[in-house]
Amino acid sequence: MMYMPHPPIILFDFDGVVITHTSLELAALKQLKNNWYKWQNIEKMRLIDFARILEQSDSENKFKAYKNLFKNYRKIIPNPLKIIIFFIRFRLVYPKLEKIYETLKPNLENVLKILKENNIPTGIVSNTQKKRLAFFTEKFNLSQYFAVIMSRSDAPSRKPNPLPILLALKTIKNTYGFSKIEKSRVYFIGDLPTDIKCAKNAGINSIAILSGHGLKKDLERENPSIILENSQQLLEIEMIKKYLK
């Protein structure tokens, strides 16, 4: 029996790729209005940069996470105690705002519908908490589009470790009954350098999207396979385009 290669598989990061960052910007704006922090070097920063720094401080090791937090914020908040207070306040405000203001990224739902209509498997691989991901999965009915939705709790290690991607691919393989997964036909789309590293560590194609949290120069430094301005351009990737009706 002749082997038929499976269609391209597209895995998505969550924050900044599937959902917007409106609530992050609102939370940052609320904190920026407080001059008590004695802000420094913020003239050229975007609102989303305050949240991006927070994301880049994340680590499975809590001690390392706090160490990263001080290192990454000390240029804009010189007082270590105030860095901790900023972190606590931001974390308290942000979850409340996102339940009200967060939406899917522009044009993403249309892209997902087209991929689904053409039987192109998709999944989410995220470092976010399981409870939070479950909330948005239900709110936006994401299960109708994604064959697998991976949170930080669904794998023993977080990105950039390749395990979350490899486990997601195993689920897709079993769900669709593929005899094997060809990594050259798999894409992971993310908006942070961590996502590009994760894709490379898993041996699949990496897509850097510029409409998320990350900076273009930081993403380019990781040398991704493809760089896109937005999710609509996914449909222009040659391998994916071949499968569209």
Protein backbone atom coordinates (compact mmCIF):
# COMPACT_ATOMS: atom_id res chain seq x y z
CA MET A 1 0.00 0.00 0.00
CA MET A 2 1.39 3.39 -1.03
CA TYR A 3 2.23 5.76 1.83
CA MET A 4 0.36 9.05 1.73
CA PRO A 5 1.95 11.92 3.65
CA HIS A 6 -0.27 13.62 6.20
CA PRO A 7 -1.41 17.19 5.62
CA PRO A 8 0.57 20.00 7.23
CA ILE A 9 0.05 20.31 10.98
CA ILE A 10 -0.06 23.76 12.55
CA LEU A 11 0.53 24.29 16.27
CA PHE A 12 -0.14 27.69 17.84
CA ASP A 13 1.17 29.45 20.89
CA PHE A 14 -1.72 31.00 22.84
CA ASP A 15 -1.06 34.48 24.25
CA GLY A 16 -0.45 37.05 21.53
CA VAL A 17 -1.12 34.46 18.81
CA VAL A 18 -4.61 33.10 19.48
CA ILE A 19 -5.87 35.85 21.80
CA THR A 20 -5.05 39.56 21.82
CA HIS A 21 -3.08 41.40 24.50
CA THR A 22 -5.64 44.11 25.28
CA SER A 23 -5.91 43.22 28.97
CA LEU A 24 -2.11 43.18 29.36
CA GLU A 25 -1.91 46.69 27.94
CA LEU A 26 -4.73 47.91 30.19
CA ALA A 27 -3.04 46.40 33.25
CA ALA A 28 0.26 48.05 32.28
CA LEU A 29 -1.44 51.40 31.70
CA LYS A 30 -3.02 51.25 35.16
CA GLN A 31 0.41 50.73 36.75
CA LEU A 32 2.11 53.38 34.61
CA LYS A 33 -0.21 56.03 36.00
CA ASN A 34 1.33 55.43 39.43
CA ASN A 35 4.42 57.66 39.70
CA TRP A 36 5.28 56.04 43.04
CA TYR A 37 7.34 53.48 41.10
CA LYS A 38 9.67 56.28 39.87
CA TRP A 39 9.78 54.88 36.33
CA GLN A 40 12.99 55.15 34.31
CA ASN A 41 13.89 54.50 30.66
CA ILE A 42 10.29 53.96 29.54
CA GLU A 43 10.06 56.64 26.84
CA LYS A 44 10.37 54.19 23.93
CA MET A 45 8.51 51.29 25.50
CA ARG A 46 5.13 50.09 24.24
CA LEU A 47 2.46 49.14 26.78
CA ILE A 48 2.81 45.49 25.77
CA ASP A 49 6.55 45.60 26.53
CA PHE A 50 5.81 45.76 30.27
CA ALA A 51 3.93 42.48 30.03
CA ARG A 52 6.50 40.98 27.61
CA ILE A 53 9.22 41.50 30.20
CA LEU A 54 7.02 39.68 32.70
CA GLU A 55 6.61 36.75 30.30
CA GLN A 56 10.34 36.60 29.66
CA SER A 57 10.94 36.34 33.41
CA ASP A 58 8.88 33.16 33.65
CA SER A 59 10.60 29.91 34.65
CA GLU A 60 9.68 26.49 36.02
CA ASN A 61 12.08 27.28 38.86
CA LYS A 62 10.48 29.92 41.14
CA PHE A 63 13.82 31.18 42.43
CA LYS A 64 15.04 31.64 38.86
CA ALA A 65 11.75 33.37 37.95
CA TYR A 66 12.18 35.96 40.70
CA LYS A 67 15.85 36.41 39.81
CA ASN A 68 14.80 37.05 36.19
CA LEU A 69 12.12 39.45 37.39
CA PHE A 70 14.62 41.66 39.22
CA LYS A 71 17.09 41.51 36.36
CA ASN A 72 14.55 42.39 33.68
CA TYR A 73 12.72 45.17 35.55
CA ARG A 74 15.55 46.95 37.35
CA LYS A 75 16.18 49.27 34.39
CA ILE A 76 12.67 50.71 34.64
CA ILE A 77 11.92 50.28 38.39
CA PRO A 78 15.14 50.94 40.35
CA ASN A 79 13.78 49.87 43.76
CA PRO A 80 13.70 46.04 44.27
CA LEU A 81 10.80 46.23 46.73
CA LYS A 82 8.77 48.22 44.23
CA ILE A 83 9.47 45.59 41.57
CA ILE A 84 7.83 42.98 43.79
CA ILE A 85 4.87 45.26 44.47
CA PHE A 86 4.50 45.97 40.74
CA PHE A 87 4.54 42.24 40.03
CA ILE A 88 1.88 41.50 42.69
CA ARG A 89 -0.40 44.35 41.59
CA PHE A 90 -0.06 43.46 37.91
CA ARG A 91 -0.89 39.83 38.62
CA LEU A 92 -3.98 40.83 40.62
CA VAL A 93 -5.37 43.25 38.03
CA TYR A 94 -4.61 41.40 34.80
CA PRO A 95 -6.76 38.24 35.32
CA LYS A 96 -9.82 40.37 36.08
CA LEU A 97 -9.36 42.50 32.97
CA GLU A 98 -8.76 39.63 30.55
CA LYS A 99 -12.05 37.92 31.37
CA ILE A 100 -13.81 41.08 30.21
CA TYR A 101 -11.68 42.49 27.38
CA GLU A 102 -9.75 39.64 25.75
CA THR A 103 -10.76 38.56 22.23
CA LEU A 104 -9.41 36.32 19.49
CA LYS A 105 -6.76 37.87 17.27
CA PRO A 106 -8.18 39.69 14.20
CA ASN A 107 -8.96 37.33 11.27
CA LEU A 108 -7.81 34.28 13.23
CA GLU A 109 -11.23 32.63 13.40
CA ASN A 110 -11.59 32.89 9.63
CA VAL A 111 -8.16 31.26 9.21
CA LEU A 112 -9.09 28.47 11.62
CA LYS A 113 -12.36 27.83 9.75
CA ILE A 114 -10.48 27.51 6.45
CA LEU A 115 -7.93 25.13 7.98
CA LYS A 116 -10.71 23.01 9.48
CA GLU A 117 -12.68 22.90 6.20
CA ASN A 118 -9.55 21.58 4.50
CA ASN A 119 -8.80 18.97 7.19
CA ILE A 120 -5.54 20.58 8.28
CA PRO A 121 -4.89 19.56 11.92
CA THR A 122 -4.21 22.32 14.43
CA GLY A 123 -3.33 22.51 18.12
CA ILE A 124 -2.36 24.90 20.90
CA VAL A 125 0.84 24.55 22.91
CA SER A 126 1.05 27.10 25.72
CA ASN A 127 2.94 27.78 28.93
CA THR A 128 -0.19 29.21 30.53
CA GLN A 129 -2.09 27.62 33.41
CA LYS A 130 -4.59 24.86 32.69
CA LYS A 131 -7.50 26.62 34.42
CA ARG A 132 -6.93 29.83 32.47
CA LEU A 133 -6.62 27.99 29.15
CA ALA A 134 -9.80 26.03 29.92
CA PHE A 135 -11.66 29.31 30.55
CA PHE A 136 -10.77 30.72 27.13
CA THR A 137 -11.28 27.36 25.41
CA GLU A 138 -14.89 27.45 26.59
CA LYS A 139 -15.38 31.20 26.03
CA PHE A 140 -14.27 31.07 22.40
CA ASN A 141 -15.30 27.44 21.72
CA LEU A 142 -11.74 26.64 20.68
CA SER A 143 -12.27 22.86 20.80
CA GLN A 144 -14.16 23.08 17.51
CA TYR A 145 -10.92 24.08 15.79
CA PHE A 146 -8.04 22.56 17.77
CA ALA A 147 -7.42 18.82 18.04
CA VAL A 148 -5.20 19.29 21.09
CA ILE A 149 -4.88 22.13 23.63
CA MET A 150 -1.79 21.85 25.83
CA SER A 151 -1.27 23.90 29.00
CA ARG A 152 1.80 23.98 31.26
CA SER A 153 0.16 21.25 33.36
CA ASP A 154 -0.15 18.82 30.45
CA ALA A 155 3.59 18.24 30.05
CA PRO A 156 6.38 17.61 32.56
CA SER A 157 8.36 20.58 31.17
CA ARG A 158 7.52 23.95 29.66
CA LYS A 159 8.63 25.57 26.43
CA PRO A 160 11.36 25.89 25.18
CA ASN A 161 11.67 22.23 26.15
CA PRO A 162 10.31 20.29 23.13
CA LEU A 163 8.15 17.89 25.18
CA PRO A 164 4.91 19.94 25.00
CA ILE A 165 5.13 19.98 21.19
CA LEU A 166 6.05 16.31 20.97
CA LEU A 167 3.13 15.33 23.22
CA ALA A 168 0.75 17.49 21.19
CA LEU A 169 1.93 15.76 18.00
CA LYS A 170 1.40 12.35 19.59
CA THR A 171 -2.22 13.31 20.36
CA ILE A 172 -2.76 14.54 16.78
CA LYS A 173 -1.20 11.35 15.38
CA ASN A 174 -3.61 9.20 17.40
CA THR A 175 -6.64 11.42 16.77
CA TYR A 176 -6.18 11.44 12.98
CA GLY A 177 -4.77 7.91 12.71
CA PHE A 178 -1.57 9.00 11.01
CA SER A 179 0.97 6.18 10.65
CA LYS A 180 3.76 8.59 11.55
CA ILE A 181 4.46 12.30 11.94
CA GLU A 182 6.75 13.95 9.40
CA LYS A 183 8.34 16.83 11.25
CA SER A 184 9.10 18.64 8.01
CA ARG A 185 5.32 19.01 7.62
CA VAL A 186 4.76 20.51 11.09
CA TYR A 187 4.74 24.22 11.94
CA PHE A 188 4.72 25.99 15.30
CA ILE A 189 3.66 29.63 15.26
CA GLY A 190 4.70 31.83 18.16
CA ASP A 191 5.40 35.44 19.07
CA LEU A 192 8.35 35.06 21.46
CA PRO A 193 11.93 33.78 21.09
CA THR A 194 10.99 30.94 23.48
CA ASP A 195 8.51 29.66 20.90
CA ILE A 196 11.09 29.64 18.12
CA LYS A 197 13.56 27.80 20.35
CA CYS A 198 10.88 25.27 21.27
CA ALA A 199 10.08 24.53 17.62
CA LYS A 200 13.76 24.09 16.83
CA ASN A 201 14.27 21.82 19.82
CA ALA A 202 11.36 19.69 18.59
CA GLY A 203 12.83 19.53 15.07
CA ILE A 204 9.87 21.22 13.34
CA ASN A 205 9.36 24.41 11.32
CA SER A 206 9.24 27.62 13.36
CA ILE A 207 7.02 30.57 12.45
CA ALA A 208 7.58 33.94 14.11
CA ILE A 209 4.51 36.17 14.05
CA LEU A 210 5.10 39.91 14.42
CA SER A 211 1.60 40.85 15.61
CA GLY A 212 2.11 39.44 19.10
CA HIS A 213 4.12 40.33 22.22
CA GLY A 214 7.62 39.87 20.86
CA LEU A 215 10.01 42.31 19.24
CA LYS A 216 11.01 41.77 15.62
CA LYS A 217 14.73 42.00 16.36
CA ASP A 218 14.48 39.40 19.15
CA LEU A 219 12.56 37.00 16.91
CA GLU A 220 14.90 37.48 13.96
CA ARG A 221 17.85 36.71 16.22
CA GLU A 222 16.45 33.17 16.66
CA ASN A 223 16.45 32.66 12.87
CA PRO A 224 12.90 31.24 12.48
CA SER A 225 11.96 29.20 9.41
CA ILE A 226 9.29 31.76 8.45
CA ILE A 227 8.35 35.27 9.59
CA LEU A 228 4.73 36.44 9.21
CA GLU A 229 3.07 39.77 9.89
CA ASN A 230 -0.22 38.12 10.92
CA SER A 231 -2.08 34.80 11.00
CA GLN A 232 -3.83 35.43 7.67
CA GLN A 233 -0.47 34.93 5.96
CA LEU A 234 -0.43 31.31 7.16
CA LEU A 235 -2.65 30.52 4.20
CA GLU A 236 0.08 31.72 1.83
CA ILE A 237 2.67 29.19 3.01
CA GLU A 238 3.28 26.94 0.00
CA MET A 239 2.74 23.58 1.71
CA ILE A 240 -0.47 24.79 3.37
CA LYS A 241 -1.71 26.48 0.20
CA LYS A 242 -1.58 23.14 -1.66
CA TYR A 243 -4.23 21.70 0.66
CA LEU A 244 -6.72 24.56 0.35
CA LYS A 245 -9.75 24.05 -1.88
